[in-house]
Structure formats: C-alpha cells, structure tokens
Amino acid sequence: MKRIFYQSKVAKVLLYFSICSTITIGPFVLSKLSESEMPQYVRNHECTHSRQWIETTVASGFLLFLLVALAGVNAWWLALSAFVFYLWYGLEYLIRLCILHDGSKAYRAVSFEQEAYANEKYANYNENAGYFSWVKYL
C-alpha cells in the first residue's frame, strides 16, 4: 500500500502557512515536495508517525472492541480508535507545555516526536522497530 503521497494538493492546502513541507494524517504521509526533493530522513520521520498511528489505532480498537463485546458499550465508540493517537499526542503536549512553559520544547518532548527524531537517520528503523517503541520515551 502506498503510504507517501508526493506533491499532494491536500498537503499544499494544510501546510500553506507552515514552514513544514510534509504532514502525516492517519497512516498516510502527505508532502508538498516531489519524491526527488524529499530527504530520506523526512520519509523516515513521517513514516515513524504513520506506524505509531497504526499501533495506537489497532490497540485502542481492540480494547474498545472488548468493551463493546463484554460491557455492552455502544459500537459507535469504536470510531474513537482512529483518533486515539491525536488525543494522546495532544494530551501529552499539553502536559509537557505546562511543565516546560515553551511550545517548541514541549513539542520535542512528546514521546512520538522523540522516537521519530531519535531514529530518523536509520533507514530501516521502521522495519526493525518493536511494537510501541515510543513508550520508552514517556
């Protein structure tokens, strides 16, 4: 399955006012750049976020499925699993912002970002990373 979309119109709209050229939405990486313009470390960084999204979505979906099956929770709650990555990211960012009082430091301190930045130089990191590797950065 193709996970990186180069010269994406969606990325151009979403990142119009941003200095960033690439964004990960769910399991997909959207970039304003062409394939030849994008550095490998950016691919690695964003694909790490894609893997993190998949891991958190599958794990939360499984837990929510158990709640649906065993506790009679409404099945519509399963839709929440697609947003757990973003909820966790936002909550962790806000907690770190309260501690560090600096937005850029809080952003870099989020466990998802720490894993992505720490391993963006390793070409095969995503193929060899263990499940939930971001947890060790909490």
N, C-alpha and C. Protein backbone atom coordinates (compact mmCIF):
# COMPACT_ATOMS: atom_id res chain seq x y z
N MET A 1 0.84 -1.18 0.00
CA MET A 1 0.00 0.00 0.00
C MET A 1 0.89 1.25 0.00
N LYS A 2 0.58 2.18 -0.82
CA LYS A 2 1.34 3.42 -0.90
C LYS A 2 1.00 4.29 0.30
N ARG A 3 2.03 4.67 1.07
CA ARG A 3 1.80 5.47 2.26
C ARG A 3 2.26 6.91 2.11
N ILE A 4 3.08 7.19 1.12
CA ILE A 4 3.59 8.55 0.92
C ILE A 4 3.01 9.12 -0.38
N PHE A 5 2.39 10.28 -0.27
CA PHE A 5 1.82 10.96 -1.43
C PHE A 5 2.61 12.25 -1.66
N TYR A 6 3.37 12.26 -2.75
CA TYR A 6 4.22 13.41 -3.08
C TYR A 6 3.42 14.45 -3.86
N GLN A 7 3.81 15.70 -3.72
CA GLN A 7 3.16 16.84 -4.37
C GLN A 7 1.64 16.80 -4.16
N SER A 8 1.26 16.52 -2.93
CA SER A 8 -0.14 16.38 -2.56
C SER A 8 -0.82 17.75 -2.47
N LYS A 9 -1.97 17.87 -3.11
CA LYS A 9 -2.74 19.12 -3.04
C LYS A 9 -3.27 19.34 -1.63
N VAL A 10 -3.61 18.26 -0.94
CA VAL A 10 -4.07 18.35 0.45
C VAL A 10 -2.97 18.92 1.32
N ALA A 11 -1.73 18.42 1.15
CA ALA A 11 -0.59 18.94 1.92
C ALA A 11 -0.35 20.40 1.62
N LYS A 12 -0.49 20.79 0.36
CA LYS A 12 -0.28 22.18 -0.01
C LYS A 12 -1.28 23.10 0.66
N VAL A 13 -2.53 22.63 0.80
CA VAL A 13 -3.55 23.43 1.47
C VAL A 13 -3.32 23.46 2.98
N LEU A 14 -3.11 22.28 3.58
CA LEU A 14 -2.95 22.20 5.03
C LEU A 14 -1.68 22.89 5.52
N LEU A 15 -0.64 22.88 4.71
CA LEU A 15 0.65 23.44 5.12
C LEU A 15 0.95 24.77 4.45
N TYR A 16 -0.08 25.44 3.97
CA TYR A 16 0.11 26.69 3.23
C TYR A 16 0.89 27.74 4.03
N PHE A 17 0.53 27.92 5.30
CA PHE A 17 1.17 28.93 6.14
C PHE A 17 2.28 28.35 7.01
N SER A 18 2.64 27.11 6.80
CA SER A 18 3.63 26.44 7.64
C SER A 18 4.99 26.36 6.96
N ILE A 19 6.03 26.30 7.78
CA ILE A 19 7.37 26.09 7.24
C ILE A 19 7.59 24.61 6.94
N CYS A 20 6.70 23.76 7.46
CA CYS A 20 6.80 22.32 7.21
C CYS A 20 6.37 22.01 5.78
N SER A 21 6.93 20.95 5.24
CA SER A 21 6.59 20.55 3.87
C SER A 21 5.85 19.22 3.83
N THR A 22 5.80 18.53 4.96
CA THR A 22 5.23 17.19 5.00
C THR A 22 4.43 17.01 6.27
N ILE A 23 3.33 16.26 6.15
CA ILE A 23 2.46 16.00 7.30
C ILE A 23 1.97 14.56 7.24
N THR A 24 1.78 13.97 8.40
CA THR A 24 1.22 12.63 8.48
C THR A 24 -0.21 12.73 9.00
N ILE A 25 -1.13 12.18 8.25
CA ILE A 25 -2.54 12.14 8.65
C ILE A 25 -2.95 10.68 8.63
N GLY A 26 -3.21 10.16 9.81
CA GLY A 26 -3.52 8.73 9.91
C GLY A 26 -2.31 7.94 9.45
N PRO A 27 -2.52 6.94 8.62
CA PRO A 27 -1.39 6.14 8.14
C PRO A 27 -0.72 6.71 6.89
N PHE A 28 -1.15 7.88 6.44
CA PHE A 28 -0.66 8.44 5.19
C PHE A 28 0.25 9.64 5.40
N VAL A 29 1.30 9.72 4.60
CA VAL A 29 2.24 10.84 4.61
C VAL A 29 1.95 11.68 3.38
N LEU A 30 1.65 12.94 3.61
CA LEU A 30 1.32 13.87 2.53
C LEU A 30 2.41 14.94 2.47
N SER A 31 2.94 15.18 1.28
CA SER A 31 4.04 16.13 1.16
C SER A 31 3.82 17.10 0.01
N LYS A 32 4.30 18.33 0.21
CA LYS A 32 4.30 19.32 -0.86
C LYS A 32 5.44 19.05 -1.83
N LEU A 33 6.42 18.28 -1.40
CA LEU A 33 7.63 18.03 -2.18
C LEU A 33 7.44 16.88 -3.17
N SER A 34 8.30 16.85 -4.18
CA SER A 34 8.33 15.70 -5.08
C SER A 34 9.17 14.61 -4.43
N GLU A 35 9.12 13.42 -5.00
CA GLU A 35 9.88 12.30 -4.44
C GLU A 35 11.38 12.59 -4.42
N SER A 36 11.89 13.23 -5.45
CA SER A 36 13.32 13.52 -5.51
C SER A 36 13.73 14.65 -4.57
N GLU A 37 12.81 15.53 -4.20
CA GLU A 37 13.12 16.65 -3.31
C GLU A 37 13.11 16.26 -1.83
N MET A 38 12.37 15.22 -1.49
CA MET A 38 12.22 14.86 -0.08
C MET A 38 13.43 14.09 0.44
N PRO A 39 14.08 14.61 1.48
CA PRO A 39 15.20 13.88 2.06
C PRO A 39 14.74 12.58 2.73
N GLN A 40 15.62 11.60 2.75
CA GLN A 40 15.28 10.30 3.34
C GLN A 40 14.92 10.42 4.82
N TYR A 41 15.58 11.30 5.55
CA TYR A 41 15.29 11.41 6.98
C TYR A 41 13.87 11.91 7.23
N VAL A 42 13.33 12.73 6.31
CA VAL A 42 11.94 13.19 6.45
C VAL A 42 10.99 12.01 6.21
N ARG A 43 11.28 11.19 5.21
CA ARG A 43 10.47 9.98 4.97
C ARG A 43 10.46 9.11 6.22
N ASN A 44 11.65 8.88 6.77
CA ASN A 44 11.76 8.03 7.95
C ASN A 44 10.97 8.61 9.12
N HIS A 45 11.11 9.91 9.35
CA HIS A 45 10.43 10.57 10.46
C HIS A 45 8.91 10.43 10.32
N GLU A 46 8.40 10.78 9.16
CA GLU A 46 6.95 10.75 8.96
C GLU A 46 6.40 9.33 8.92
N CYS A 47 7.15 8.39 8.37
CA CYS A 47 6.69 7.00 8.37
C CYS A 47 6.69 6.42 9.78
N THR A 48 7.54 6.94 10.65
CA THR A 48 7.50 6.54 12.06
C THR A 48 6.17 6.98 12.67
N HIS A 49 5.74 8.20 12.36
CA HIS A 49 4.44 8.65 12.87
C HIS A 49 3.29 7.80 12.29
N SER A 50 3.42 7.41 11.06
CA SER A 50 2.41 6.55 10.44
C SER A 50 2.32 5.22 11.19
N ARG A 51 3.47 4.63 11.50
CA ARG A 51 3.49 3.37 12.26
C ARG A 51 2.91 3.56 13.66
N GLN A 52 3.23 4.68 14.29
CA GLN A 52 2.69 4.97 15.62
C GLN A 52 1.17 5.08 15.58
N TRP A 53 0.65 5.73 14.54
CA TRP A 53 -0.80 5.87 14.40
C TRP A 53 -1.45 4.49 14.26
N ILE A 54 -0.85 3.64 13.43
CA ILE A 54 -1.40 2.31 13.23
C ILE A 54 -1.40 1.53 14.55
N GLU A 55 -0.30 1.58 15.27
CA GLU A 55 -0.21 0.85 16.54
C GLU A 55 -1.26 1.32 17.55
N THR A 56 -1.39 2.63 17.72
CA THR A 56 -2.35 3.14 18.71
C THR A 56 -3.78 2.88 18.26
N THR A 57 -4.05 2.94 16.98
CA THR A 57 -5.40 2.68 16.47
C THR A 57 -5.79 1.21 16.66
N VAL A 58 -4.89 0.30 16.33
CA VAL A 58 -5.19 -1.13 16.48
C VAL A 58 -5.36 -1.50 17.95
N ALA A 59 -4.45 -1.02 18.81
CA ALA A 59 -4.53 -1.35 20.23
C ALA A 59 -5.79 -0.78 20.87
N SER A 60 -6.10 0.48 20.59
CA SER A 60 -7.30 1.07 21.17
C SER A 60 -8.56 0.46 20.57
N GLY A 61 -8.51 0.12 19.30
CA GLY A 61 -9.66 -0.55 18.68
C GLY A 61 -9.94 -1.89 19.32
N PHE A 62 -8.87 -2.64 19.64
CA PHE A 62 -9.03 -3.92 20.31
C PHE A 62 -9.65 -3.74 21.70
N LEU A 63 -9.14 -2.76 22.45
CA LEU A 63 -9.68 -2.50 23.79
C LEU A 63 -11.14 -2.04 23.72
N LEU A 64 -11.43 -1.17 22.78
CA LEU A 64 -12.82 -0.72 22.62
C LEU A 64 -13.73 -1.86 22.16
N PHE A 65 -13.21 -2.74 21.32
CA PHE A 65 -14.00 -3.91 20.90
C PHE A 65 -14.34 -4.79 22.10
N LEU A 66 -13.37 -4.97 22.99
CA LEU A 66 -13.64 -5.74 24.21
C LEU A 66 -14.72 -5.09 25.05
N LEU A 67 -14.69 -3.76 25.14
CA LEU A 67 -15.74 -3.05 25.88
C LEU A 67 -17.10 -3.22 25.22
N VAL A 68 -17.12 -3.20 23.91
CA VAL A 68 -18.38 -3.41 23.18
C VAL A 68 -18.90 -4.82 23.42
N ALA A 69 -18.00 -5.80 23.31
CA ALA A 69 -18.40 -7.20 23.42
C ALA A 69 -18.75 -7.61 24.85
N LEU A 70 -17.97 -7.14 25.81
CA LEU A 70 -18.13 -7.63 27.18
C LEU A 70 -18.94 -6.71 28.09
N ALA A 71 -18.92 -5.42 27.82
CA ALA A 71 -19.58 -4.47 28.72
C ALA A 71 -20.81 -3.82 28.09
N GLY A 72 -21.12 -4.18 26.86
CA GLY A 72 -22.30 -3.64 26.22
C GLY A 72 -22.18 -2.17 25.83
N VAL A 73 -20.96 -1.68 25.67
CA VAL A 73 -20.75 -0.30 25.24
C VAL A 73 -21.19 -0.17 23.79
N ASN A 74 -21.74 0.97 23.44
CA ASN A 74 -22.23 1.20 22.08
C ASN A 74 -21.07 1.05 21.08
N ALA A 75 -21.33 0.35 19.99
CA ALA A 75 -20.30 0.07 18.98
C ALA A 75 -19.77 1.33 18.31
N TRP A 76 -20.50 2.43 18.37
CA TRP A 76 -20.03 3.67 17.77
C TRP A 76 -18.75 4.17 18.42
N TRP A 77 -18.48 3.74 19.64
CA TRP A 77 -17.25 4.13 20.33
C TRP A 77 -16.01 3.60 19.61
N LEU A 78 -16.17 2.58 18.77
CA LEU A 78 -15.03 2.05 18.02
C LEU A 78 -14.44 3.10 17.08
N ALA A 79 -15.25 4.05 16.65
CA ALA A 79 -14.76 5.11 15.77
C ALA A 79 -13.71 5.98 16.48
N LEU A 80 -13.75 5.99 17.79
CA LEU A 80 -12.78 6.77 18.56
C LEU A 80 -11.36 6.26 18.38
N SER A 81 -11.20 4.99 18.05
CA SER A 81 -9.85 4.42 17.94
C SER A 81 -9.00 5.13 16.88
N ALA A 82 -9.62 5.67 15.85
CA ALA A 82 -8.87 6.38 14.80
C ALA A 82 -8.28 7.69 15.31
N PHE A 83 -8.78 8.19 16.43
CA PHE A 83 -8.33 9.48 16.95
C PHE A 83 -7.48 9.37 18.21
N VAL A 84 -7.26 8.16 18.70
CA VAL A 84 -6.51 7.97 19.95
C VAL A 84 -5.09 8.51 19.84
N PHE A 85 -4.43 8.31 18.70
CA PHE A 85 -3.08 8.85 18.50
C PHE A 85 -3.08 10.36 18.73
N TYR A 86 -4.03 11.06 18.13
CA TYR A 86 -4.08 12.51 18.22
C TYR A 86 -4.49 12.97 19.61
N LEU A 87 -5.38 12.23 20.25
CA LEU A 87 -5.77 12.56 21.63
C LEU A 87 -4.57 12.41 22.57
N TRP A 88 -3.83 11.30 22.43
CA TRP A 88 -2.66 11.06 23.25
C TRP A 88 -1.60 12.14 22.99
N TYR A 89 -1.36 12.42 21.72
CA TYR A 89 -0.37 13.41 21.32
C TYR A 89 -0.73 14.77 21.95
N GLY A 90 -1.97 15.19 21.78
CA GLY A 90 -2.40 16.49 22.31
C GLY A 90 -2.34 16.57 23.81
N LEU A 91 -2.76 15.52 24.48
CA LEU A 91 -2.73 15.49 25.94
C LEU A 91 -1.29 15.52 26.45
N GLU A 92 -0.43 14.72 25.84
CA GLU A 92 0.98 14.71 26.24
C GLU A 92 1.63 16.07 25.97
N TYR A 93 1.31 16.69 24.85
CA TYR A 93 1.84 18.02 24.54
C TYR A 93 1.41 19.04 25.59
N LEU A 94 0.14 19.02 25.96
CA LEU A 94 -0.36 19.99 26.95
C LEU A 94 0.29 19.79 28.31
N ILE A 95 0.47 18.54 28.71
CA ILE A 95 1.12 18.25 29.99
C ILE A 95 2.56 18.77 29.96
N ARG A 96 3.27 18.47 28.88
CA ARG A 96 4.67 18.91 28.78
C ARG A 96 4.77 20.43 28.64
N LEU A 97 3.78 21.05 28.03
CA LEU A 97 3.76 22.51 27.92
C LEU A 97 3.61 23.14 29.30
N CYS A 98 2.76 22.56 30.13
CA CYS A 98 2.59 23.07 31.50
C CYS A 98 3.87 22.93 32.31
N ILE A 99 4.63 21.89 32.05
CA ILE A 99 5.88 21.65 32.79
C ILE A 99 7.01 22.53 32.24
N LEU A 100 7.14 22.58 30.92
CA LEU A 100 8.29 23.24 30.29
C LEU A 100 8.07 24.72 29.96
N HIS A 101 6.82 25.16 29.83
CA HIS A 101 6.47 26.55 29.52
C HIS A 101 7.09 27.06 28.22
N ASP A 102 7.31 26.15 27.29
CA ASP A 102 7.88 26.52 25.99
C ASP A 102 7.30 25.57 24.95
N GLY A 103 6.58 26.13 23.97
CA GLY A 103 5.89 25.31 22.97
C GLY A 103 6.80 24.42 22.16
N SER A 104 7.95 24.95 21.73
CA SER A 104 8.84 24.14 20.89
C SER A 104 9.51 23.03 21.70
N LYS A 105 9.85 23.31 22.96
CA LYS A 105 10.43 22.27 23.82
C LYS A 105 9.38 21.21 24.14
N ALA A 106 8.14 21.63 24.36
CA ALA A 106 7.07 20.69 24.66
C ALA A 106 6.81 19.79 23.45
N TYR A 107 6.85 20.37 22.26
CA TYR A 107 6.66 19.59 21.02
C TYR A 107 7.74 18.52 20.90
N ARG A 108 9.00 18.90 21.12
CA ARG A 108 10.12 17.95 21.00
C ARG A 108 10.10 16.91 22.12
N ALA A 109 9.42 17.21 23.23
CA ALA A 109 9.38 16.30 24.37
C ALA A 109 8.27 15.25 24.26
N VAL A 110 7.36 15.41 23.32
CA VAL A 110 6.29 14.41 23.14
C VAL A 110 6.94 13.09 22.72
N SER A 111 6.51 12.01 23.32
CA SER A 111 7.16 10.71 23.10
C SER A 111 7.15 10.29 21.63
N PHE A 112 6.08 10.58 20.91
CA PHE A 112 6.02 10.24 19.49
C PHE A 112 7.12 10.98 18.71
N GLU A 113 7.31 12.26 19.03
CA GLU A 113 8.33 13.05 18.36
C GLU A 113 9.73 12.62 18.77
N GLN A 114 9.92 12.29 20.03
CA GLN A 114 11.23 11.84 20.49
C GLN A 114 11.67 10.60 19.73
N GLU A 115 10.76 9.63 19.58
CA GLU A 115 11.11 8.42 18.83
C GLU A 115 11.42 8.75 17.38
N ALA A 116 10.59 9.58 16.76
CA ALA A 116 10.78 9.90 15.35
C ALA A 116 12.09 10.65 15.11
N TYR A 117 12.39 11.64 15.95
CA TYR A 117 13.64 12.38 15.79
C TYR A 117 14.86 11.52 16.11
N ALA A 118 14.77 10.68 17.13
CA ALA A 118 15.92 9.86 17.54
C ALA A 118 16.31 8.84 16.48
N ASN A 119 15.35 8.43 15.64
CA ASN A 119 15.61 7.33 14.71
C ASN A 119 15.43 7.70 13.24
N GLU A 120 15.30 8.99 12.93
CA GLU A 120 15.07 9.39 11.54
C GLU A 120 16.27 9.16 10.65
N LYS A 121 17.45 9.01 11.21
CA LYS A 121 18.67 8.79 10.40
C LYS A 121 18.89 7.32 10.06
N TYR A 122 18.11 6.42 10.68
CA TYR A 122 18.28 4.98 10.45
C TYR A 122 17.29 4.52 9.38
N ALA A 123 17.82 4.13 8.23
CA ALA A 123 17.00 3.81 7.05
C ALA A 123 15.99 2.69 7.31
N ASN A 124 16.36 1.68 8.06
CA ASN A 124 15.48 0.52 8.26
C ASN A 124 14.83 0.50 9.64
N TYR A 125 14.78 1.64 10.29
CA TYR A 125 14.25 1.67 11.65
C TYR A 125 12.81 1.14 11.74
N ASN A 126 11.95 1.60 10.86
CA ASN A 126 10.55 1.21 10.94
C ASN A 126 10.33 -0.28 10.69
N GLU A 127 11.17 -0.87 9.88
CA GLU A 127 11.06 -2.30 9.63
C GLU A 127 11.55 -3.12 10.83
N ASN A 128 12.48 -2.55 11.60
CA ASN A 128 13.09 -3.30 12.70
C ASN A 128 12.62 -2.86 14.09
N ALA A 129 11.85 -1.79 14.17
CA ALA A 129 11.39 -1.29 15.47
C ALA A 129 10.38 -2.25 16.08
N GLY A 130 10.45 -2.37 17.39
CA GLY A 130 9.46 -3.17 18.09
C GLY A 130 8.15 -2.42 18.19
N TYR A 131 7.11 -3.15 18.51
CA TYR A 131 5.81 -2.51 18.68
C TYR A 131 5.85 -1.58 19.89
N PHE A 132 5.21 -0.44 19.76
CA PHE A 132 5.09 0.55 20.82
C PHE A 132 6.45 1.02 21.34
N SER A 133 7.40 1.20 20.43
CA SER A 133 8.74 1.68 20.81
C SER A 133 8.70 3.08 21.40
N TRP A 134 7.69 3.86 21.07
CA TRP A 134 7.56 5.22 21.58
C TRP A 134 7.33 5.26 23.08
N VAL A 135 6.85 4.15 23.66
CA VAL A 135 6.54 4.12 25.10
C VAL A 135 7.79 4.37 25.94
N LYS A 136 8.94 3.93 25.48
CA LYS A 136 10.16 4.12 26.27
C LYS A 136 10.58 5.59 26.36
N TYR A 137 9.96 6.46 25.55
CA TYR A 137 10.28 7.88 25.58
C TYR A 137 9.33 8.67 26.49
N LEU A 138 8.40 7.99 27.13
CA LEU A 138 7.45 8.69 28.02
C LEU A 138 8.13 9.27 29.24
